[in-house]
Amino acid sequence: MKAILCERYGPPERVLQLKDVEKPVPEEGRVLLKVHAASVNISDYYGITGFSRLFGGGIRRPKDPRVGSDVAGQVETIGANVTRFRPGDEVFGTCAGAFAEYAVARETRLALKPANTSFEEVAAVPIAGLTALQCLRDKGRVQAGQDVAVNGASGGVGTFAVQIAKSFGANVTGVCSTRNLDQARSIGANHVVDYTKEDFTRSERSYDLISDIAGNRSVSDYKRALKPGGTCLIVGVAKNPLLGLAKFTVLGKLGSMTGNKKVRFMGIAKINPEDLGFMAELLSTGKVKPVIEKQYGLSEVGQALQYIGGKHTRGKVVIAVS
């Protein structure tokens, strides 16, 4: 089978290789998938370019050369004690090495694909969709009728956040650039703010909850935009992710010690079958529809990752495998 491998750090288009490797065999609790589609995340880009070495990913070279996490495909075979799936099931979720013709995934990181969605659509969901869901529902405790702002409403997580907040009955403001205003409206934003012309933290409108994917404002800016008792959750940072993590973990905690407005770092989404199933239900009922900007082939993964590294994607970037 063919798979994308990364055996050294560097620019994706230079270091990624499409190689012939042995088809993997599923161990206990795992299933072998024939991969139909995968999607690209900024975490994939960081892993290839070397940022992951700071978190145990290998100092000189990647510990695991496999690339890709979000996956959608058909169950080929199952390992021992797998009870939730059988050969032929169409599923989506996460695994190691999604950019390949076949991949092995834990059954606890998969859910059944809704019949009315494509493999490409569900491949776009796992990491971005669950990040948005857990930010809004679990950390933000979003409620019907609340005013919610999504800063970075045009990207992978942002397009899911707008739609998920709407599904909970919130009044949503999407913050994005001029070229993405119509897209934000089309996926359900009640209001849009063009950040090139207006500062959403200085407008007359204030918010019960801010989901901030850009992470490009100060703690005091976020607090100014919140209603009393409101919360801002930082999902990502636009520039230096390590500096942003330190900034919002420390300064956010300090800034939240006074008053009743909180600024917190979201953290990493936890992939689990219940939340994947929750997203599958939103997809099947049409409350959420993945926004896919570009689609690449397996041999073009380097180009796809180079593109997403520019951090100006509109929705998700998908890899069509088979």
C-alpha atoms as a PDB file:
ATOM      1  CA  MET A   1       0.000   0.000   0.000  1.00  0.00           C
ATOM      2  CA  LYS A   2       1.031   3.628  -0.371  1.00  0.00           C
ATOM      3  CA  ALA A   3       1.465   6.002   2.555  1.00  0.00           C
ATOM      4  CA  ILE A   4       2.862   9.456   3.237  1.00  0.00           C
ATOM      5  CA  LEU A   5       5.882   9.361   5.555  1.00  0.00           C
ATOM      6  CA  CYS A   6       7.912  12.078   7.268  1.00  0.00           C
ATOM      7  CA  GLU A   7      11.384  10.946   8.320  1.00  0.00           C
ATOM      8  CA  ARG A   8      12.937  14.368   8.958  1.00  0.00           C
ATOM      9  CA  TYR A   9      11.697  17.808   9.923  1.00  0.00           C
ATOM     10  CA  GLY A  10      11.315  20.591   7.403  1.00  0.00           C
ATOM     11  CA  PRO A  11       8.940  22.231   4.913  1.00  0.00           C
ATOM     12  CA  PRO A  12       6.184  19.715   3.997  1.00  0.00           C
ATOM     13  CA  GLU A  13       6.798  19.843   0.252  1.00  0.00           C
ATOM     14  CA  ARG A  14      10.459  18.933   0.826  1.00  0.00           C
ATOM     15  CA  VAL A  15      10.337  16.281   3.546  1.00  0.00           C
ATOM     16  CA  LEU A  16       7.163  14.283   2.864  1.00  0.00           C
ATOM     17  CA  GLN A  17       7.483  11.128   0.784  1.00  0.00           C
ATOM     18  CA  LEU A  18       4.889   8.845  -0.787  1.00  0.00           C
ATOM     19  CA  LYS A  19       6.210   5.320  -0.217  1.00  0.00           C
ATOM     20  CA  ASP A  20       5.147   1.703  -0.578  1.00  0.00           C
ATOM     21  CA  VAL A  21       4.795   0.102   2.862  1.00  0.00           C
ATOM     22  CA  GLU A  22       3.241  -3.054   4.277  1.00  0.00           C
ATOM     23  CA  LYS A  23      -0.458  -3.001   5.042  1.00  0.00           C
ATOM     24  CA  PRO A  24      -0.855  -2.816   8.853  1.00  0.00           C
ATOM     25  CA  VAL A  25      -2.611  -5.493  10.917  1.00  0.00           C
ATOM     26  CA  PRO A  26      -5.084  -4.396  13.609  1.00  0.00           C
ATOM     27  CA  GLU A  27      -4.213  -5.356  17.178  1.00  0.00           C
ATOM     28  CA  GLU A  28      -6.690  -5.886  20.007  1.00  0.00           C
ATOM     29  CA  GLY A  29      -9.299  -3.122  20.200  1.00  0.00           C
ATOM     30  CA  ARG A  30      -8.360  -1.721  16.798  1.00  0.00           C
ATOM     31  CA  VAL A  31      -9.721  -1.876  13.262  1.00  0.00           C
ATOM     32  CA  LEU A  32      -8.074  -1.711   9.855  1.00  0.00           C
ATOM     33  CA  LEU A  33      -9.588   0.956   7.633  1.00  0.00           C
ATOM     34  CA  LYS A  34      -9.515   1.303   3.890  1.00  0.00           C
ATOM     35  CA  VAL A  35      -9.053   5.063   3.849  1.00  0.00           C
ATOM     36  CA  HIS A  36     -11.335   7.022   1.540  1.00  0.00           C
ATOM     37  CA  ALA A  37     -10.525  10.522   2.783  1.00  0.00           C
ATOM     38  CA  ALA A  38      -8.536  12.382   5.402  1.00  0.00           C
ATOM     39  CA  SER A  39      -8.238  16.027   6.369  1.00  0.00           C
ATOM     40  CA  VAL A  40      -5.392  18.349   7.228  1.00  0.00           C
ATOM     41  CA  ASN A  41      -4.943  20.103  10.576  1.00  0.00           C
ATOM     42  CA  ILE A  42      -2.470  22.753  11.685  1.00  0.00           C
ATOM     43  CA  SER A  43      -1.170  20.183  14.200  1.00  0.00           C
ATOM     44  CA  ASP A  44      -0.022  18.058  11.245  1.00  0.00           C
ATOM     45  CA  TYR A  45       1.929  21.025   9.925  1.00  0.00           C
ATOM     46  CA  TYR A  46       3.540  21.676  13.316  1.00  0.00           C
ATOM     47  CA  GLY A  47       4.519  18.028  13.625  1.00  0.00           C
ATOM     48  CA  ILE A  48       6.260  17.973  10.243  1.00  0.00           C
ATOM     49  CA  THR A  49       8.065  21.294  10.645  1.00  0.00           C
ATOM     50  CA  GLY A  50       9.457  20.330  14.062  1.00  0.00           C
ATOM     51  CA  PHE A  51       7.329  22.152  16.622  1.00  0.00           C
ATOM     52  CA  SER A  52       6.215  18.789  18.062  1.00  0.00           C
ATOM     53  CA  ARG A  53       9.794  18.014  19.167  1.00  0.00           C
ATOM     54  CA  LEU A  54       9.100  20.309  22.143  1.00  0.00           C
ATOM     55  CA  PHE A  55       6.392  17.913  23.298  1.00  0.00           C
ATOM     56  CA  GLY A  56       8.107  14.549  22.946  1.00  0.00           C
ATOM     57  CA  GLY A  57       7.779  14.156  19.191  1.00  0.00           C
ATOM     58  CA  GLY A  58      11.461  13.345  18.676  1.00  0.00           C
ATOM     59  CA  ILE A  59      14.399  15.747  18.901  1.00  0.00           C
ATOM     60  CA  ARG A  60      16.337  15.083  15.695  1.00  0.00           C
ATOM     61  CA  ARG A  61      13.611  13.397  13.660  1.00  0.00           C
ATOM     62  CA  PRO A  62       9.958  12.378  14.161  1.00  0.00           C
ATOM     63  CA  LYS A  63       9.506   9.364  16.428  1.00  0.00           C
ATOM     64  CA  ASP A  64       6.660   8.165  14.233  1.00  0.00           C
ATOM     65  CA  PRO A  65       7.046   8.816  10.498  1.00  0.00           C
ATOM     66  CA  ARG A  66       3.331   8.351   9.829  1.00  0.00           C
ATOM     67  CA  VAL A  67       1.365  11.521   9.082  1.00  0.00           C
ATOM     68  CA  GLY A  68      -2.285  12.512   9.380  1.00  0.00           C
ATOM     69  CA  SER A  69      -4.965  12.176  12.065  1.00  0.00           C
ATOM     70  CA  ASP A  70      -8.486  12.854  10.737  1.00  0.00           C
ATOM     71  CA  VAL A  71      -9.741   9.847   8.791  1.00  0.00           C
ATOM     72  CA  ALA A  72     -12.843   8.474   7.072  1.00  0.00           C
ATOM     73  CA  GLY A  73     -13.126   5.080   5.458  1.00  0.00           C
ATOM     74  CA  GLN A  74     -14.508   1.570   5.493  1.00  0.00           C
ATOM     75  CA  VAL A  75     -13.689  -1.123   8.046  1.00  0.00           C
ATOM     76  CA  GLU A  76     -11.631  -3.826   6.327  1.00  0.00           C
ATOM     77  CA  THR A  77     -10.837  -6.156   9.253  1.00  0.00           C
ATOM     78  CA  ILE A  78     -11.163  -5.972  13.033  1.00  0.00           C
ATOM     79  CA  GLY A  79      -8.824  -6.929  15.857  1.00  0.00           C
ATOM     80  CA  ALA A  80      -9.676  -9.017  18.901  1.00  0.00           C
ATOM     81  CA  ASN A  81     -12.406  -7.774  21.246  1.00  0.00           C
ATOM     82  CA  VAL A  82     -13.716  -5.147  18.846  1.00  0.00           C
ATOM     83  CA  THR A  83     -17.462  -4.952  19.502  1.00  0.00           C
ATOM     84  CA  ARG A  84     -18.660  -1.672  18.000  1.00  0.00           C
ATOM     85  CA  PHE A  85     -17.811  -2.256  14.328  1.00  0.00           C
ATOM     86  CA  ARG A  86     -17.677  -4.992  11.743  1.00  0.00           C
ATOM     87  CA  PRO A  87     -16.139  -5.276   8.258  1.00  0.00           C
ATOM     88  CA  GLY A  88     -17.939  -3.065   5.760  1.00  0.00           C
ATOM     89  CA  ASP A  89     -18.958  -0.343   8.232  1.00  0.00           C
ATOM     90  CA  GLU A  90     -18.347   3.206   7.050  1.00  0.00           C
ATOM     91  CA  VAL A  91     -16.732   5.229   9.827  1.00  0.00           C
ATOM     92  CA  PHE A  92     -14.841   8.409  10.672  1.00  0.00           C
ATOM     93  CA  GLY A  93     -12.587   9.552  13.492  1.00  0.00           C
ATOM     94  CA  THR A  94      -8.874   9.783  14.196  1.00  0.00           C
ATOM     95  CA  CYS A  95      -5.853   7.526  13.910  1.00  0.00           C
ATOM     96  CA  ALA A  96      -2.097   7.656  13.359  1.00  0.00           C
ATOM     97  CA  GLY A  97      -1.143   7.723   9.692  1.00  0.00           C
ATOM     98  CA  ALA A  98      -4.383   8.815   8.052  1.00  0.00           C
ATOM     99  CA  PHE A  99      -2.547   9.922   4.907  1.00  0.00           C
ATOM    100  CA  ALA A 100      -2.354   6.388   3.539  1.00  0.00           C
ATOM    101  CA  GLU A 101      -4.410   3.844   1.615  1.00  0.00           C
ATOM    102  CA  TYR A 102      -4.939   1.824   4.819  1.00  0.00           C
ATOM    103  CA  ALA A 103      -4.693   2.820   8.480  1.00  0.00           C
ATOM    104  CA  VAL A 104      -5.317   1.269  11.887  1.00  0.00           C
ATOM    105  CA  ALA A 105      -7.533   3.084  14.396  1.00  0.00           C
ATOM    106  CA  ARG A 106      -8.743   2.405  17.929  1.00  0.00           C
ATOM    107  CA  GLU A 107     -12.439   1.570  17.940  1.00  0.00           C
ATOM    108  CA  THR A 108     -12.873   4.144  20.727  1.00  0.00           C
ATOM    109  CA  ARG A 109     -11.798   6.895  18.315  1.00  0.00           C
ATOM    110  CA  LEU A 110     -14.342   6.129  15.625  1.00  0.00           C
ATOM    111  CA  ALA A 111     -18.062   6.588  14.949  1.00  0.00           C
ATOM    112  CA  LEU A 112     -20.379   5.490  12.163  1.00  0.00           C
ATOM    113  CA  LYS A 113     -20.556   7.817   9.181  1.00  0.00           C
ATOM    114  CA  PRO A 114     -24.024   9.310   8.579  1.00  0.00           C
ATOM    115  CA  ALA A 115     -25.500   7.833   5.400  1.00  0.00           C
ATOM    116  CA  ASN A 116     -26.307  11.255   3.936  1.00  0.00           C
ATOM    117  CA  THR A 117     -22.723  12.571   4.113  1.00  0.00           C
ATOM    118  CA  SER A 118     -19.667  11.935   1.963  1.00  0.00           C
ATOM    119  CA  PHE A 119     -16.358  10.521   3.190  1.00  0.00           C
ATOM    120  CA  GLU A 120     -14.765  13.877   2.415  1.00  0.00           C
ATOM    121  CA  GLU A 121     -17.280  15.712   4.600  1.00  0.00           C
ATOM    122  CA  VAL A 122     -16.902  13.467   7.641  1.00  0.00           C
ATOM    123  CA  ALA A 123     -13.107  13.404   7.293  1.00  0.00           C
ATOM    124  CA  ALA A 124     -13.210  17.165   7.901  1.00  0.00           C
ATOM    125  CA  VAL A 125     -14.962  16.769  11.248  1.00  0.00           C
ATOM    126  CA  PRO A 126     -12.980  14.992  14.008  1.00  0.00           C
ATOM    127  CA  ILE A 127     -10.348  17.352  15.417  1.00  0.00           C
ATOM    128  CA  ALA A 128     -11.815  20.671  14.287  1.00  0.00           C
ATOM    129  CA  GLY A 129     -15.410  19.683  15.008  1.00  0.00           C
ATOM    130  CA  LEU A 130     -14.741  18.258  18.461  1.00  0.00           C
ATOM    131  CA  THR A 131     -12.548  21.227  19.365  1.00  0.00           C
ATOM    132  CA  ALA A 132     -15.430  23.574  18.580  1.00  0.00           C
ATOM    133  CA  LEU A 133     -17.996  21.352  20.304  1.00  0.00           C
ATOM    134  CA  GLN A 134     -16.046  20.900  23.530  1.00  0.00           C
ATOM    135  CA  CYS A 135     -15.125  24.586  23.625  1.00  0.00           C
ATOM    136  CA  LEU A 136     -18.717  25.767  23.352  1.00  0.00           C
ATOM    137  CA  ARG A 137     -20.674  23.036  25.120  1.00  0.00           C
ATOM    138  CA  ASP A 138     -18.279  21.735  27.778  1.00  0.00           C
ATOM    139  CA  LYS A 139     -15.953  24.613  28.632  1.00  0.00           C
ATOM    140  CA  GLY A 140     -18.218  27.501  27.625  1.00  0.00           C
ATOM    141  CA  ARG A 141     -21.556  25.951  28.663  1.00  0.00           C
ATOM    142  CA  VAL A 142     -23.309  27.736  25.825  1.00  0.00           C
ATOM    143  CA  GLN A 143     -27.044  28.326  26.292  1.00  0.00           C
ATOM    144  CA  ALA A 144     -29.907  29.256  23.993  1.00  0.00           C
ATOM    145  CA  GLY A 145     -30.317  33.018  23.650  1.00  0.00           C
ATOM    146  CA  GLN A 146     -26.739  33.853  24.618  1.00  0.00           C
ATOM    147  CA  ASP A 147     -24.584  36.207  22.566  1.00  0.00           C
ATOM    148  CA  VAL A 148     -21.577  34.294  21.254  1.00  0.00           C
ATOM    149  CA  ALA A 149     -18.652  35.639  19.227  1.00  0.00           C
ATOM    150  CA  VAL A 150     -16.411  33.417  17.124  1.00  0.00           C
ATOM    151  CA  ASN A 151     -13.143  35.211  16.339  1.00  0.00           C
ATOM    152  CA  GLY A 152     -11.671  33.377  13.354  1.00  0.00           C
ATOM    153  CA  ALA A 153     -15.043  32.296  11.996  1.00  0.00           C
ATOM    154  CA  SER A 154     -13.750  31.352   8.554  1.00  0.00           C
ATOM    155  CA  GLY A 155     -11.233  28.615   9.415  1.00  0.00           C
ATOM    156  CA  GLY A 156     -11.616  24.932  10.151  1.00  0.00           C
ATOM    157  CA  VAL A 157     -12.576  25.215  13.831  1.00  0.00           C
ATOM    158  CA  GLY A 158     -14.351  28.540  13.319  1.00  0.00           C
ATOM    159  CA  THR A 159     -16.792  27.307  10.678  1.00  0.00           C
ATOM    160  CA  PHE A 160     -17.797  24.457  12.988  1.00  0.00           C
ATOM    161  CA  ALA A 161     -18.033  26.799  15.996  1.00  0.00           C
ATOM    162  CA  VAL A 162     -20.481  29.140  14.243  1.00  0.00           C
ATOM    163  CA  GLN A 163     -22.768  26.263  13.259  1.00  0.00           C
ATOM    164  CA  ILE A 164     -22.577  24.432  16.581  1.00  0.00           C
ATOM    165  CA  ALA A 165     -23.332  27.607  18.550  1.00  0.00           C
ATOM    166  CA  LYS A 166     -26.348  28.183  16.300  1.00  0.00           C
ATOM    167  CA  SER A 167     -27.517  24.598  16.890  1.00  0.00           C
ATOM    168  CA  PHE A 168     -27.618  25.384  20.616  1.00  0.00           C
ATOM    169  CA  GLY A 169     -29.782  28.439  19.943  1.00  0.00           C
ATOM    170  CA  ALA A 170     -27.148  31.119  20.447  1.00  0.00           C
ATOM    171  CA  ASN A 171     -27.052  34.508  18.734  1.00  0.00           C
ATOM    172  CA  VAL A 172     -23.746  34.270  16.863  1.00  0.00           C
ATOM    173  CA  THR A 173     -21.343  36.974  15.682  1.00  0.00           C
ATOM    174  CA  GLY A 174     -18.674  35.803  13.251  1.00  0.00           C
ATOM    175  CA  VAL A 175     -15.424  37.783  13.151  1.00  0.00           C
ATOM    176  CA  CYS A 176     -13.418  37.346   9.943  1.00  0.00           C
ATOM    177  CA  SER A 177     -11.852  39.210   7.017  1.00  0.00           C
ATOM    178  CA  THR A 178     -13.745  40.968   4.227  1.00  0.00           C
ATOM    179  CA  ARG A 179     -13.582  38.060   1.779  1.00  0.00           C
ATOM    180  CA  ASN A 180     -15.144  35.679   4.305  1.00  0.00           C
ATOM    181  CA  LEU A 181     -18.140  37.726   5.462  1.00  0.00           C
ATOM    182  CA  ASP A 182     -20.584  36.092   3.065  1.00  0.00           C
ATOM    183  CA  GLN A 183     -19.360  32.636   4.026  1.00  0.00           C
ATOM    184  CA  ALA A 184     -19.927  33.399   7.725  1.00  0.00           C
ATOM    185  CA  ARG A 185     -23.464  34.541   6.968  1.00  0.00           C
ATOM    186  CA  SER A 186     -24.138  31.472   4.819  1.00  0.00           C
ATOM    187  CA  ILE A 187     -23.326  29.078   7.677  1.00  0.00           C
ATOM    188  CA  GLY A 188     -25.623  30.879  10.096  1.00  0.00           C
ATOM    189  CA  ALA A 189     -23.883  33.851  11.708  1.00  0.00           C
ATOM    190  CA  ASN A 190     -26.497  36.387  12.847  1.00  0.00           C
ATOM    191  CA  HIS A 191     -23.959  39.199  12.702  1.00  0.00           C
ATOM    192  CA  VAL A 192     -20.563  39.552  11.053  1.00  0.00           C
ATOM    193  CA  VAL A 193     -17.610  41.789  11.900  1.00  0.00           C
ATOM    194  CA  ASP A 194     -14.895  42.585   9.382  1.00  0.00           C
ATOM    195  CA  TYR A 195     -11.773  42.712  11.522  1.00  0.00           C
ATOM    196  CA  THR A 196      -9.934  44.734   8.873  1.00  0.00           C
ATOM    197  CA  LYS A 197     -12.401  47.572   9.453  1.00  0.00           C
ATOM    198  CA  GLU A 198     -13.749  47.113  12.972  1.00  0.00           C
ATOM    199  CA  ASP A 199     -12.435  45.963  16.351  1.00  0.00           C
ATOM    200  CA  PHE A 200     -14.997  43.541  17.784  1.00  0.00           C
ATOM    201  CA  THR A 201     -13.668  44.113  21.306  1.00  0.00           C
ATOM    202  CA  ARG A 202     -14.518  47.829  21.123  1.00  0.00           C
ATOM    203  CA  SER A 203     -17.987  47.690  19.627  1.00  0.00           C
ATOM    204  CA  GLU A 204     -21.264  48.341  21.437  1.00  0.00           C
ATOM    205  CA  ARG A 205     -22.094  44.626  21.322  1.00  0.00           C
ATOM    206  CA  SER A 206     -20.798  42.464  24.181  1.00  0.00           C
ATOM    207  CA  TYR A 207     -20.820  38.702  24.609  1.00  0.00           C
ATOM    208  CA  ASP A 208     -21.637  35.962  27.066  1.00  0.00           C
ATOM    209  CA  LEU A 209     -19.086  33.703  25.404  1.00  0.00           C
ATOM    210  CA  ILE A 210     -16.179  34.267  23.029  1.00  0.00           C
ATOM    211  CA  SER A 211     -14.616  31.366  21.168  1.00  0.00           C
ATOM    212  CA  ASP A 212     -11.341  32.769  19.890  1.00  0.00           C
ATOM    213  CA  ILE A 213      -9.483  30.700  17.321  1.00  0.00           C
ATOM    214  CA  ALA A 214      -7.080  33.504  16.380  1.00  0.00           C
ATOM    215  CA  GLY A 215      -5.754  34.267  19.865  1.00  0.00           C
ATOM    216  CA  ASN A 216      -4.507  37.627  18.636  1.00  0.00           C
ATOM    217  CA  ARG A 217      -5.844  39.994  21.290  1.00  0.00           C
ATOM    218  CA  SER A 218      -4.842  40.901  24.819  1.00  0.00           C
ATOM    219  CA  VAL A 219      -6.565  39.578  27.933  1.00  0.00           C
ATOM    220  CA  SER A 220      -7.880  43.075  28.672  1.00  0.00           C
ATOM    221  CA  ASP A 221      -9.358  43.290  25.144  1.00  0.00           C
ATOM    222  CA  TYR A 222     -11.279  40.067  25.670  1.00  0.00           C
ATOM    223  CA  LYS A 223     -12.536  41.117  29.094  1.00  0.00           C
ATOM    224  CA  ARG A 224     -13.748  44.422  27.671  1.00  0.00           C
ATOM    225  CA  ALA A 225     -15.850  42.549  25.089  1.00  0.00           C
ATOM    226  CA  LEU A 226     -17.456  40.221  27.639  1.00  0.00           C
ATOM    227  CA  LYS A 227     -20.682  40.747  29.514  1.00  0.00           C
ATOM    228  CA  PRO A 228     -20.547  40.453  33.319  1.00  0.00           C
ATOM    229  CA  GLY A 229     -20.064  36.767  34.094  1.00  0.00           C
ATOM    230  CA  GLY A 230     -18.894  36.084  30.560  1.00  0.00           C
ATOM    231  CA  THR A 231     -16.106  33.737  29.435  1.00  0.00           C
ATOM    232  CA  CYS A 232     -13.560  33.872  26.626  1.00  0.00           C
ATOM    233  CA  LEU A 233     -11.952  30.590  25.570  1.00  0.00           C
ATOM    234  CA  ILE A 234      -8.742  30.762  23.553  1.00  0.00           C
ATOM    235  CA  VAL A 235      -8.774  27.885  21.074  1.00  0.00           C
ATOM    236  CA  GLY A 236      -5.676  28.744  19.042  1.00  0.00           C
ATOM    237  CA  VAL A 237      -3.072  31.415  18.478  1.00  0.00           C
ATOM    238  CA  ALA A 238      -2.370  33.098  15.167  1.00  0.00           C
ATOM    239  CA  LYS A 239       1.395  33.513  15.386  1.00  0.00           C
ATOM    240  CA  ASN A 240       3.706  31.769  17.869  1.00  0.00           C
ATOM    241  CA  PRO A 241       1.735  28.874  19.441  1.00  0.00           C
ATOM    242  CA  LEU A 242       4.220  28.324  22.284  1.00  0.00           C
ATOM    243  CA  LEU A 243       4.274  31.996  23.255  1.00  0.00           C
ATOM    244  CA  GLY A 244       0.483  32.160  22.975  1.00  0.00           C
ATOM    245  CA  LEU A 245       0.045  29.111  25.202  1.00  0.00           C
ATOM    246  CA  ALA A 246       2.241  30.679  27.890  1.00  0.00           C
ATOM    247  CA  LYS A 247       0.561  34.056  27.499  1.00  0.00           C
ATOM    248  CA  PHE A 248      -3.021  32.909  27.922  1.00  0.00           C
ATOM    249  CA  THR A 249      -2.299  30.210  30.484  1.00  0.00           C
ATOM    250  CA  VAL A 250      -0.512  32.636  32.796  1.00  0.00           C
ATOM    251  CA  LEU A 251      -1.915  36.069  31.967  1.00  0.00           C
ATOM    252  CA  GLY A 252      -5.415  34.717  31.402  1.00  0.00           C
ATOM    253  CA  LYS A 253      -5.427  33.172  34.858  1.00  0.00           C
ATOM    254  CA  LEU A 254      -4.039  36.319  36.456  1.00  0.00           C
ATOM    255  CA  GLY A 255      -6.449  38.573  34.567  1.00  0.00           C
ATOM    256  CA  SER A 256      -9.392  36.402  35.580  1.00  0.00           C
ATOM    257  CA  MET A 257      -8.623  36.739  39.282  1.00  0.00           C
ATOM    258  CA  THR A 258     -10.300  40.149  39.373  1.00  0.00           C
ATOM    259  CA  GLY A 259     -13.921  40.721  38.411  1.00  0.00           C
ATOM    260  CA  ASN A 260     -16.293  38.076  37.107  1.00  0.00           C
ATOM    261  CA  LYS A 261     -15.073  37.835  33.511  1.00  0.00           C
ATOM    262  CA  LYS A 262     -12.897  34.853  32.660  1.00  0.00           C
ATOM    263  CA  VAL A 263     -10.246  34.350  29.952  1.00  0.00           C
ATOM    264  CA  ARG A 264      -9.013  30.779  29.668  1.00  0.00           C
ATOM    265  CA  PHE A 265      -7.076  28.539  27.308  1.00  0.00           C
ATOM    266  CA  MET A 266      -9.263  25.865  25.747  1.00  0.00           C
ATOM    267  CA  GLY A 267      -6.703  23.042  25.663  1.00  0.00           C
ATOM    268  CA  ILE A 268      -6.664  20.033  23.340  1.00  0.00           C
ATOM    269  CA  ALA A 269      -9.870  18.354  22.222  1.00  0.00           C
ATOM    270  CA  LYS A 270     -10.484  14.870  23.617  1.00  0.00           C
ATOM    271  CA  ILE A 271     -11.439  12.442  20.853  1.00  0.00           C
ATOM    272  CA  ASN A 272     -14.159  10.083  22.052  1.00  0.00           C
ATOM    273  CA  PRO A 273     -16.950   8.068  20.401  1.00  0.00           C
ATOM    274  CA  GLU A 274     -19.750   9.930  22.201  1.00  0.00           C
ATOM    275  CA  ASP A 275     -18.766  13.330  20.823  1.00  0.00           C
ATOM    276  CA  LEU A 276     -18.048  11.906  17.367  1.00  0.00           C
ATOM    277  CA  GLY A 277     -21.568  10.462  17.506  1.00  0.00           C
ATOM    278  CA  PHE A 278     -22.935  13.834  18.603  1.00  0.00           C
ATOM    279  CA  MET A 279     -21.321  15.462  15.581  1.00  0.00           C
ATOM    280  CA  ALA A 280     -22.661  12.687  13.340  1.00  0.00           C
ATOM    281  CA  GLU A 281     -26.172  13.542  14.519  1.00  0.00           C
ATOM    282  CA  LEU A 282     -25.656  17.240  13.753  1.00  0.00           C
ATOM    283  CA  LEU A 283     -24.440  16.275  10.281  1.00  0.00           C
ATOM    284  CA  SER A 284     -27.296  13.880   9.587  1.00  0.00           C
ATOM    285  CA  THR A 285     -29.924  16.465  10.584  1.00  0.00           C
ATOM    286  CA  GLY A 286     -28.278  19.210   8.529  1.00  0.00           C
ATOM    287  CA  LYS A 287     -27.538  21.452  11.521  1.00  0.00           C
ATOM    288  CA  VAL A 288     -23.843  21.327  10.658  1.00  0.00           C
ATOM    289  CA  LYS A 289     -22.271  21.030   7.213  1.00  0.00           C
ATOM    290  CA  PRO A 290     -18.479  20.946   6.882  1.00  0.00           C
ATOM    291  CA  VAL A 291     -17.009  23.775   4.832  1.00  0.00           C
ATOM    292  CA  ILE A 292     -14.365  22.344   2.498  1.00  0.00           C
ATOM    293  CA  GLU A 293     -12.197  24.853   0.683  1.00  0.00           C
ATOM    294  CA  LYS A 294      -9.726  22.636  -1.150  1.00  0.00           C
ATOM    295  CA  GLN A 295      -9.249  18.981  -1.974  1.00  0.00           C
ATOM    296  CA  TYR A 296      -5.933  17.306  -2.786  1.00  0.00           C
ATOM    297  CA  GLY A 297      -4.840  13.797  -3.731  1.00  0.00           C
ATOM    298  CA  LEU A 298      -2.598  11.546  -1.643  1.00  0.00           C
ATOM    299  CA  SER A 299       0.460  12.513  -3.686  1.00  0.00           C
ATOM    300  CA  GLU A 300      -0.287  16.201  -2.986  1.00  0.00           C
ATOM    301  CA  VAL A 301      -0.259  16.100   0.827  1.00  0.00           C
ATOM    302  CA  GLY A 302       2.872  18.263   0.915  1.00  0.00           C
ATOM    303  CA  GLN A 303       1.109  20.999  -1.030  1.00  0.00           C
ATOM    304  CA  ALA A 304      -1.950  20.738   1.215  1.00  0.00           C
ATOM    305  CA  LEU A 305       0.141  21.104   4.371  1.00  0.00           C
ATOM    306  CA  GLN A 306       2.133  23.959   2.914  1.00  0.00           C
ATOM    307  CA  TYR A 307      -1.150  25.712   2.169  1.00  0.00           C
ATOM    308  CA  ILE A 308      -2.634  25.224   5.634  1.00  0.00           C
ATOM    309  CA  GLY A 309       0.626  26.427   7.173  1.00  0.00           C
ATOM    310  CA  GLY A 310      -0.196  29.873   5.787  1.00  0.00           C
ATOM    311  CA  LYS A 311      -3.141  29.993   8.245  1.00  0.00           C
ATOM    312  CA  HIS A 312      -5.589  31.588   5.849  1.00  0.00           C
ATOM    313  CA  THR A 313      -7.765  28.597   5.007  1.00  0.00           C
ATOM    314  CA  ARG A 314     -11.498  28.963   4.528  1.00  0.00           C
ATOM    315  CA  GLY A 315     -12.911  25.920   6.260  1.00  0.00           C
ATOM    316  CA  LYS A 316     -11.140  22.591   5.898  1.00  0.00           C
ATOM    317  CA  VAL A 317      -8.603  21.117   3.501  1.00  0.00           C
ATOM    318  CA  VAL A 318      -9.307  17.489   2.562  1.00  0.00           C
ATOM    319  CA  ILE A 319      -7.209  14.663   1.137  1.00  0.00           C
ATOM    320  CA  ALA A 320      -9.129  12.355  -1.208  1.00  0.00           C
ATOM    321  CA  VAL A 321      -7.403   8.960  -0.904  1.00  0.00           C
ATOM    322  CA  SER A 322      -9.702   6.530  -2.708  1.00  0.00           C
END
